[in-house]
């Protein structure tokens, strides 16, 4: 999933993220469930890679945003 830095490229920027379902960490749905993306000076795009885990729990449609 692309993560874009679009408000300047000066300095290092660190973005903390969490994958949640109904306000709780998506443990059992996605791995990893949290982390950080670090942009070095001049970088504008990173790729966040997550694994969607199969389970037998019926859920609403899962979307990324």
C-alpha atoms as a PDB file:
ATOM      1  CA  UNK A   1       0.000   0.000   0.000  1.00  0.00           C
ATOM      2  CA  UNK A   2       1.588   3.328  -0.968  1.00  0.00           C
ATOM      3  CA  UNK A   3       2.300   5.945   1.680  1.00  0.00           C
ATOM      4  CA  UNK A   4       2.954   9.375   0.191  1.00  0.00           C
ATOM      5  CA  UNK A   5       4.706  12.319   1.800  1.00  0.00           C
ATOM      6  CA  UNK A   6       3.158  15.368   0.161  1.00  0.00           C
ATOM      7  CA  UNK A   7       3.822  18.346   2.425  1.00  0.00           C
ATOM      8  CA  UNK A   8       7.519  18.964   1.793  1.00  0.00           C
ATOM      9  CA  UNK A   9      10.648  16.846   1.829  1.00  0.00           C
ATOM     10  CA  UNK A  10      12.926  18.642   4.278  1.00  0.00           C
ATOM     11  CA  UNK A  11      14.064  16.569   7.246  1.00  0.00           C
ATOM     12  CA  UNK A  12      13.157  13.096   8.438  1.00  0.00           C
ATOM     13  CA  UNK A  13       9.503  12.227   9.086  1.00  0.00           C
ATOM     14  CA  UNK A  14       8.258   9.168  10.979  1.00  0.00           C
ATOM     15  CA  UNK A  15       4.630   8.039  10.661  1.00  0.00           C
ATOM     16  CA  UNK A  16       3.207   5.632  13.250  1.00  0.00           C
ATOM     17  CA  UNK A  17       0.362   3.412  11.989  1.00  0.00           C
ATOM     18  CA  UNK A  18      -2.062   0.800  13.348  1.00  0.00           C
ATOM     19  CA  UNK A  19      -4.489  -1.545  11.578  1.00  0.00           C
ATOM     20  CA  UNK A  20      -7.766  -1.637  13.498  1.00  0.00           C
ATOM     21  CA  UNK A  21     -11.172  -3.255  13.304  1.00  0.00           C
ATOM     22  CA  UNK A  22     -13.909  -1.521  15.307  1.00  0.00           C
ATOM     23  CA  UNK A  23     -11.277   0.422  17.248  1.00  0.00           C
ATOM     24  CA  UNK A  24      -9.201  -2.633  18.250  1.00  0.00           C
ATOM     25  CA  UNK A  25      -5.932  -3.870  16.769  1.00  0.00           C
ATOM     26  CA  UNK A  26      -6.649  -6.200  13.844  1.00  0.00           C
ATOM     27  CA  UNK A  27      -4.860  -9.157  15.452  1.00  0.00           C
ATOM     28  CA  UNK A  28      -5.720 -12.276  13.465  1.00  0.00           C
ATOM     29  CA  UNK A  29      -6.693 -10.247  10.381  1.00  0.00           C
ATOM     30  CA  UNK A  30      -3.507  -8.454   9.339  1.00  0.00           C
ATOM     31  CA  UNK A  31       0.172  -8.914  10.078  1.00  0.00           C
ATOM     32  CA  UNK A  32       1.841  -6.749  11.260  1.00  0.00           C
ATOM     33  CA  UNK A  33      -0.878  -4.812  13.073  1.00  0.00           C
ATOM     34  CA  UNK A  34       1.238  -1.711  13.677  1.00  0.00           C
ATOM     35  CA  UNK A  35       4.540  -0.130  12.827  1.00  0.00           C
ATOM     36  CA  UNK A  36       6.174   2.964  11.480  1.00  0.00           C
ATOM     37  CA  UNK A  37       7.128   4.371   8.104  1.00  0.00           C
ATOM     38  CA  UNK A  38      10.265   6.516   8.046  1.00  0.00           C
ATOM     39  CA  UNK A  39      10.889   9.081   5.314  1.00  0.00           C
ATOM     40  CA  UNK A  40      14.461  10.329   4.925  1.00  0.00           C
ATOM     41  CA  UNK A  41      15.062  13.869   3.632  1.00  0.00           C
ATOM     42  CA  UNK A  42      13.996  14.040  -0.026  1.00  0.00           C
ATOM     43  CA  UNK A  43      11.862  10.861   0.030  1.00  0.00           C
ATOM     44  CA  UNK A  44       8.229  11.167  -1.024  1.00  0.00           C
ATOM     45  CA  UNK A  45       6.926   7.593  -1.276  1.00  0.00           C
ATOM     46  CA  UNK A  46       7.201   4.358   0.694  1.00  0.00           C
ATOM     47  CA  UNK A  47       5.387   1.048   0.386  1.00  0.00           C
ATOM     48  CA  UNK A  48       3.653  -0.409   3.433  1.00  0.00           C
ATOM     49  CA  UNK A  49       3.442  -4.184   3.138  1.00  0.00           C
ATOM     50  CA  UNK A  50       0.957  -6.142   5.213  1.00  0.00           C
ATOM     51  CA  UNK A  51      -0.235  -9.728   5.005  1.00  0.00           C
ATOM     52  CA  UNK A  52      -3.999 -10.275   5.104  1.00  0.00           C
ATOM     53  CA  UNK A  53      -4.619 -13.445   7.102  1.00  0.00           C
ATOM     54  CA  UNK A  54      -7.322 -15.950   6.244  1.00  0.00           C
ATOM     55  CA  UNK A  55      -9.761 -16.899   9.001  1.00  0.00           C
ATOM     56  CA  UNK A  56     -13.219 -18.411   9.410  1.00  0.00           C
ATOM     57  CA  UNK A  57     -14.755 -15.347  11.073  1.00  0.00           C
ATOM     58  CA  UNK A  58     -17.449 -13.647   8.951  1.00  0.00           C
ATOM     59  CA  UNK A  59     -16.758  -9.915   8.757  1.00  0.00           C
ATOM     60  CA  UNK A  60     -17.887  -6.829   6.949  1.00  0.00           C
ATOM     61  CA  UNK A  61     -16.006  -5.953   3.794  1.00  0.00           C
ATOM     62  CA  UNK A  62     -12.427  -5.067   4.658  1.00  0.00           C
ATOM     63  CA  UNK A  63     -11.068  -1.883   3.092  1.00  0.00           C
ATOM     64  CA  UNK A  64      -7.799  -0.016   3.290  1.00  0.00           C
ATOM     65  CA  UNK A  65      -7.537   3.675   3.880  1.00  0.00           C
END
